[in-house]
């Protein structure tokens, strides 16, 4: 998970959400997809928080 770029994590998250919205999976598979989606969402948030910090530092330095 840590090796995923923001774009890769976001693409995978979109795919997970699509699968969950489509339905037709077992409860166990749905739970696994949900857990994967949560992990991907956290990864995206980590990337975004890092970007916010970099922007704030750049603004401070200029």
PDB file of N, CA and C in Angstrom:
ATOM      1  N   UNK A   1       0.831  -1.200   0.000  1.00  0.00           N
ATOM      2  CA  UNK A   1       0.000   0.000   0.000  1.00  0.00           C
ATOM      3  C   UNK A   1       0.870   1.256   0.000  1.00  0.00           C
ATOM      4  N   UNK A   2       1.954   1.248   0.757  1.00  0.00           N
ATOM      5  CA  UNK A   2       2.814   2.425   0.863  1.00  0.00           C
ATOM      6  C   UNK A   2       3.485   2.777  -0.457  1.00  0.00           C
ATOM      7  N   UNK A   3       3.635   1.802  -1.333  1.00  0.00           N
ATOM      8  CA  UNK A   3       4.312   2.046  -2.608  1.00  0.00           C
ATOM      9  C   UNK A   3       3.395   2.676  -3.649  1.00  0.00           C
ATOM     10  N   UNK A   4       2.093   2.728  -3.372  1.00  0.00           N
ATOM     11  CA  UNK A   4       1.150   3.261  -4.349  1.00  0.00           C
ATOM     12  C   UNK A   4       1.254   4.775  -4.460  1.00  0.00           C
ATOM     13  N   UNK A   5       1.245   5.262  -5.689  1.00  0.00           N
ATOM     14  CA  UNK A   5       1.153   6.704  -5.895  1.00  0.00           C
ATOM     15  C   UNK A   5      -0.278   7.129  -5.588  1.00  0.00           C
ATOM     16  N   UNK A   6      -0.475   8.435  -5.487  1.00  0.00           N
ATOM     17  CA  UNK A   6      -1.827   8.947  -5.247  1.00  0.00           C
ATOM     18  C   UNK A   6      -2.768   8.480  -6.357  1.00  0.00           C
ATOM     19  N   UNK A   7      -2.310   8.602  -7.598  1.00  0.00           N
ATOM     20  CA  UNK A   7      -3.155   8.243  -8.742  1.00  0.00           C
ATOM     21  C   UNK A   7      -3.517   6.768  -8.739  1.00  0.00           C
ATOM     22  N   UNK A   8      -2.549   5.902  -8.397  1.00  0.00           N
ATOM     23  CA  UNK A   8      -2.808   4.466  -8.345  1.00  0.00           C
ATOM     24  C   UNK A   8      -3.806   4.136  -7.240  1.00  0.00           C
ATOM     25  N   UNK A   9      -3.605   4.731  -6.076  1.00  0.00           N
ATOM     26  CA  UNK A   9      -4.514   4.477  -4.954  1.00  0.00           C
ATOM     27  C   UNK A   9      -5.917   4.962  -5.281  1.00  0.00           C
ATOM     28  N   UNK A  10      -6.012   6.136  -5.912  1.00  0.00           N
ATOM     29  CA  UNK A  10      -7.324   6.687  -6.273  1.00  0.00           C
ATOM     30  C   UNK A  10      -8.028   5.805  -7.292  1.00  0.00           C
ATOM     31  N   UNK A  11      -7.297   5.337  -8.311  1.00  0.00           N
ATOM     32  CA  UNK A  11      -7.885   4.444  -9.321  1.00  0.00           C
ATOM     33  C   UNK A  11      -8.416   3.168  -8.681  1.00  0.00           C
ATOM     34  N   UNK A  12      -7.622   2.586  -7.797  1.00  0.00           N
ATOM     35  CA  UNK A  12      -8.056   1.359  -7.126  1.00  0.00           C
ATOM     36  C   UNK A  12      -9.253   1.621  -6.224  1.00  0.00           C
ATOM     37  N   UNK A  13      -9.280   2.772  -5.570  1.00  0.00           N
ATOM     38  CA  UNK A  13     -10.414   3.121  -4.718  1.00  0.00           C
ATOM     39  C   UNK A  13     -11.686   3.265  -5.554  1.00  0.00           C
ATOM     40  N   UNK A  14     -11.582   3.902  -6.705  1.00  0.00           N
ATOM     41  CA  UNK A  14     -12.739   4.037  -7.595  1.00  0.00           C
ATOM     42  C   UNK A  14     -13.242   2.659  -8.018  1.00  0.00           C
ATOM     43  N   UNK A  15     -12.324   1.743  -8.319  1.00  0.00           N
ATOM     44  CA  UNK A  15     -12.719   0.387  -8.720  1.00  0.00           C
ATOM     45  C   UNK A  15     -13.420  -0.342  -7.573  1.00  0.00           C
ATOM     46  N   UNK A  16     -12.915  -0.179  -6.363  1.00  0.00           N
ATOM     47  CA  UNK A  16     -13.538  -0.816  -5.196  1.00  0.00           C
ATOM     48  C   UNK A  16     -14.951  -0.284  -4.992  1.00  0.00           C
ATOM     49  N   UNK A  17     -15.103   1.023  -5.064  1.00  0.00           N
ATOM     50  CA  UNK A  17     -16.430   1.624  -4.882  1.00  0.00           C
ATOM     51  C   UNK A  17     -17.389   1.128  -5.958  1.00  0.00           C
ATOM     52  N   UNK A  18     -16.923   1.041  -7.186  1.00  0.00           N
ATOM     53  CA  UNK A  18     -17.771   0.551  -8.278  1.00  0.00           C
ATOM     54  C   UNK A  18     -18.240  -0.871  -8.021  1.00  0.00           C
ATOM     55  N   UNK A  19     -17.318  -1.725  -7.558  1.00  0.00           N
ATOM     56  CA  UNK A  19     -17.683  -3.114  -7.262  1.00  0.00           C
ATOM     57  C   UNK A  19     -18.706  -3.183  -6.142  1.00  0.00           C
ATOM     58  N   UNK A  20     -18.507  -2.366  -5.107  1.00  0.00           N
ATOM     59  CA  UNK A  20     -19.454  -2.369  -3.995  1.00  0.00           C
ATOM     60  C   UNK A  20     -20.820  -1.856  -4.431  1.00  0.00           C
ATOM     61  N   UNK A  21     -20.834  -0.821  -5.239  1.00  0.00           N
ATOM     62  CA  UNK A  21     -22.106  -0.270  -5.716  1.00  0.00           C
ATOM     63  C   UNK A  21     -22.828  -1.228  -6.646  1.00  0.00           C
ATOM     64  N   UNK A  22     -22.082  -2.018  -7.404  1.00  0.00           N
ATOM     65  CA  UNK A  22     -22.695  -2.962  -8.342  1.00  0.00           C
ATOM     66  C   UNK A  22     -23.392  -4.104  -7.607  1.00  0.00           C
ATOM     67  N   UNK A  23     -22.891  -4.405  -6.405  1.00  0.00           N
ATOM     68  CA  UNK A  23     -23.497  -5.493  -5.641  1.00  0.00           C
ATOM     69  C   UNK A  23     -23.154  -6.850  -6.226  1.00  0.00           C
ATOM     70  N   UNK A  24     -23.852  -7.851  -5.773  1.00  0.00           N
ATOM     71  CA  UNK A  24     -23.666  -9.189  -6.298  1.00  0.00           C
ATOM     72  C   UNK A  24     -22.496  -9.944  -5.694  1.00  0.00           C
ATOM     73  N   UNK A  25     -21.834  -9.370  -4.711  1.00  0.00           N
ATOM     74  CA  UNK A  25     -20.737 -10.088  -4.059  1.00  0.00           C
ATOM     75  C   UNK A  25     -21.211 -10.604  -2.705  1.00  0.00           C
ATOM     76  N   UNK A  26     -20.526 -11.612  -2.235  1.00  0.00           N
ATOM     77  CA  UNK A  26     -20.884 -12.185  -0.932  1.00  0.00           C
ATOM     78  C   UNK A  26     -20.575 -11.174   0.162  1.00  0.00           C
ATOM     79  N   UNK A  27     -21.122 -11.420   1.316  1.00  0.00           N
ATOM     80  CA  UNK A  27     -20.872 -10.552   2.465  1.00  0.00           C
ATOM     81  C   UNK A  27     -19.381 -10.512   2.771  1.00  0.00           C
ATOM     82  N   UNK A  28     -18.732 -11.661   2.753  1.00  0.00           N
ATOM     83  CA  UNK A  28     -17.296 -11.736   3.044  1.00  0.00           C
ATOM     84  C   UNK A  28     -16.487 -10.935   2.018  1.00  0.00           C
ATOM     85  N   UNK A  29     -16.821 -11.075   0.752  1.00  0.00           N
ATOM     86  CA  UNK A  29     -16.116 -10.313  -0.289  1.00  0.00           C
ATOM     87  C   UNK A  29     -16.397  -8.822  -0.159  1.00  0.00           C
ATOM     88  N   UNK A  30     -17.624  -8.463   0.175  1.00  0.00           N
ATOM     89  CA  UNK A  30     -17.976  -7.060   0.363  1.00  0.00           C
ATOM     90  C   UNK A  30     -17.195  -6.447   1.524  1.00  0.00           C
ATOM     91  N   UNK A  31     -17.056  -7.197   2.612  1.00  0.00           N
ATOM     92  CA  UNK A  31     -16.282  -6.714   3.754  1.00  0.00           C
ATOM     93  C   UNK A  31     -14.812  -6.533   3.387  1.00  0.00           C
ATOM     94  N   UNK A  32     -14.276  -7.478   2.620  1.00  0.00           N
ATOM     95  CA  UNK A  32     -12.881  -7.372   2.189  1.00  0.00           C
ATOM     96  C   UNK A  32     -12.699  -6.152   1.287  1.00  0.00           C
ATOM     97  N   UNK A  33     -13.648  -5.926   0.384  1.00  0.00           N
ATOM     98  CA  UNK A  33     -13.590  -4.753  -0.481  1.00  0.00           C
ATOM     99  C   UNK A  33     -13.676  -3.471   0.341  1.00  0.00           C
ATOM    100  N   UNK A  34     -14.557  -3.452   1.318  1.00  0.00           N
ATOM    101  CA  UNK A  34     -14.711  -2.277   2.189  1.00  0.00           C
ATOM    102  C   UNK A  34     -13.400  -1.968   2.912  1.00  0.00           C
ATOM    103  N   UNK A  35     -12.795  -3.016   3.478  1.00  0.00           N
ATOM    104  CA  UNK A  35     -11.527  -2.829   4.188  1.00  0.00           C
ATOM    105  C   UNK A  35     -10.441  -2.318   3.248  1.00  0.00           C
ATOM    106  N   UNK A  36     -10.389  -2.853   2.046  1.00  0.00           N
ATOM    107  CA  UNK A  36      -9.417  -2.383   1.048  1.00  0.00           C
ATOM    108  C   UNK A  36      -9.694  -0.925   0.700  1.00  0.00           C
ATOM    109  N   UNK A  37     -10.950  -0.587   0.534  1.00  0.00           N
ATOM    110  CA  UNK A  37     -11.321   0.790   0.231  1.00  0.00           C
ATOM    111  C   UNK A  37     -10.918   1.747   1.334  1.00  0.00           C
ATOM    112  N   UNK A  38     -11.115   1.336   2.574  1.00  0.00           N
ATOM    113  CA  UNK A  38     -10.713   2.174   3.707  1.00  0.00           C
ATOM    114  C   UNK A  38      -9.203   2.402   3.699  1.00  0.00           C
ATOM    115  N   UNK A  39      -8.436   1.363   3.440  1.00  0.00           N
ATOM    116  CA  UNK A  39      -6.977   1.485   3.399  1.00  0.00           C
ATOM    117  C   UNK A  39      -6.547   2.391   2.246  1.00  0.00           C
ATOM    118  N   UNK A  40      -7.203   2.257   1.108  1.00  0.00           N
ATOM    119  CA  UNK A  40      -6.876   3.101  -0.042  1.00  0.00           C
ATOM    120  C   UNK A  40      -7.232   4.565   0.231  1.00  0.00           C
ATOM    121  N   UNK A  41      -8.363   4.782   0.882  1.00  0.00           N
ATOM    122  CA  UNK A  41      -8.767   6.154   1.220  1.00  0.00           C
ATOM    123  C   UNK A  41      -7.758   6.779   2.179  1.00  0.00           C
ATOM    124  N   UNK A  42      -7.282   6.007   3.148  1.00  0.00           N
ATOM    125  CA  UNK A  42      -6.252   6.517   4.068  1.00  0.00           C
ATOM    126  C   UNK A  42      -4.983   6.871   3.316  1.00  0.00           C
ATOM    127  N   UNK A  43      -4.599   6.034   2.360  1.00  0.00           N
ATOM    128  CA  UNK A  43      -3.394   6.297   1.559  1.00  0.00           C
ATOM    129  C   UNK A  43      -3.555   7.589   0.765  1.00  0.00           C
ATOM    130  N   UNK A  44      -4.707   7.789   0.166  1.00  0.00           N
ATOM    131  CA  UNK A  44      -4.960   9.025  -0.579  1.00  0.00           C
ATOM    132  C   UNK A  44      -4.875  10.229   0.351  1.00  0.00           C
ATOM    133  N   UNK A  45      -5.443  10.107   1.523  1.00  0.00           N
ATOM    134  CA  UNK A  45      -5.414  11.206   2.485  1.00  0.00           C
ATOM    135  C   UNK A  45      -3.988  11.509   2.929  1.00  0.00           C
ATOM    136  N   UNK A  46      -3.168  10.479   3.092  1.00  0.00           N
ATOM    137  CA  UNK A  46      -1.765  10.693   3.448  1.00  0.00           C
ATOM    138  C   UNK A  46      -1.056  11.500   2.360  1.00  0.00           C
ATOM    139  N   UNK A  47      -1.305  11.136   1.101  1.00  0.00           N
ATOM    140  CA  UNK A  47      -0.707  11.874  -0.014  1.00  0.00           C
ATOM    141  C   UNK A  47      -1.167  13.322  -0.019  1.00  0.00           C
ATOM    142  N   UNK A  48      -2.454  13.531   0.172  1.00  0.00           N
ATOM    143  CA  UNK A  48      -2.986  14.894   0.157  1.00  0.00           C
ATOM    144  C   UNK A  48      -2.449  15.716   1.318  1.00  0.00           C
ATOM    145  N   UNK A  49      -2.341  15.116   2.483  1.00  0.00           N
ATOM    146  CA  UNK A  49      -1.788  15.833   3.636  1.00  0.00           C
ATOM    147  C   UNK A  49      -0.332  16.206   3.390  1.00  0.00           C
ATOM    148  N   UNK A  50       0.413  15.305   2.790  1.00  0.00           N
ATOM    149  CA  UNK A  50       1.799  15.605   2.433  1.00  0.00           C
ATOM    150  C   UNK A  50       1.885  16.765   1.458  1.00  0.00           C
ATOM    151  N   UNK A  51       0.982  16.784   0.490  1.00  0.00           N
ATOM    152  CA  UNK A  51       0.967  17.880  -0.484  1.00  0.00           C
ATOM    153  C   UNK A  51       0.616  19.201   0.197  1.00  0.00           C
ATOM    154  N   UNK A  52      -0.332  19.169   1.125  1.00  0.00           N
ATOM    155  CA  UNK A  52      -0.698  20.390   1.858  1.00  0.00           C
ATOM    156  C   UNK A  52       0.498  20.937   2.637  1.00  0.00           C
ATOM    157  N   UNK A  53       1.232  20.034   3.280  1.00  0.00           N
ATOM    158  CA  UNK A  53       2.404  20.460   4.047  1.00  0.00           C
ATOM    159  C   UNK A  53       3.479  21.057   3.148  1.00  0.00           C
ATOM    160  N   UNK A  54       3.688  20.441   2.004  1.00  0.00           N
ATOM    161  CA  UNK A  54       4.685  20.967   1.065  1.00  0.00           C
ATOM    162  C   UNK A  54       4.286  22.353   0.555  1.00  0.00           C
ATOM    163  N   UNK A  55       3.005  22.514   0.245  1.00  0.00           N
ATOM    164  CA  UNK A  55       2.533  23.835  -0.199  1.00  0.00           C
ATOM    165  C   UNK A  55       2.692  24.885   0.881  1.00  0.00           C
ATOM    166  N   UNK A  56       2.340  24.523   2.100  1.00  0.00           N
ATOM    167  CA  UNK A  56       2.481  25.467   3.215  1.00  0.00           C
ATOM    168  C   UNK A  56       3.941  25.855   3.415  1.00  0.00           C
ATOM    169  N   UNK A  57       4.843  24.872   3.306  1.00  0.00           N
ATOM    170  CA  UNK A  57       6.271  25.167   3.465  1.00  0.00           C
ATOM    171  C   UNK A  57       6.769  26.062   2.336  1.00  0.00           C
ATOM    172  N   UNK A  58       6.302  25.818   1.118  1.00  0.00           N
ATOM    173  CA  UNK A  58       6.717  26.631  -0.024  1.00  0.00           C
ATOM    174  C   UNK A  58       6.218  28.060   0.114  1.00  0.00           C
ATOM    175  N   UNK A  59       5.013  28.227   0.595  1.00  0.00           N
ATOM    176  CA  UNK A  59       4.467  29.564   0.799  1.00  0.00           C
ATOM    177  C   UNK A  59       5.222  30.298   1.885  1.00  0.00           C
ATOM    178  N   UNK A  60       5.589  29.581   2.914  1.00  0.00           N
ATOM    179  CA  UNK A  60       6.315  30.164   4.035  1.00  0.00           C
ATOM    180  C   UNK A  60       7.697  30.650   3.606  1.00  0.00           C
ATOM    181  N   UNK A  61       8.338  29.869   2.731  1.00  0.00           N
ATOM    182  CA  UNK A  61       9.691  30.180   2.259  1.00  0.00           C
ATOM    183  C   UNK A  61       9.728  31.315   1.243  1.00  0.00           C
ATOM    184  N   UNK A  62       8.606  31.599   0.628  1.00  0.00           N
ATOM    185  CA  UNK A  62       8.634  32.642  -0.426  1.00  0.00           C
ATOM    186  C   UNK A  62       8.262  34.006   0.057  1.00  0.00           C
TER     187      UNK A  62
END
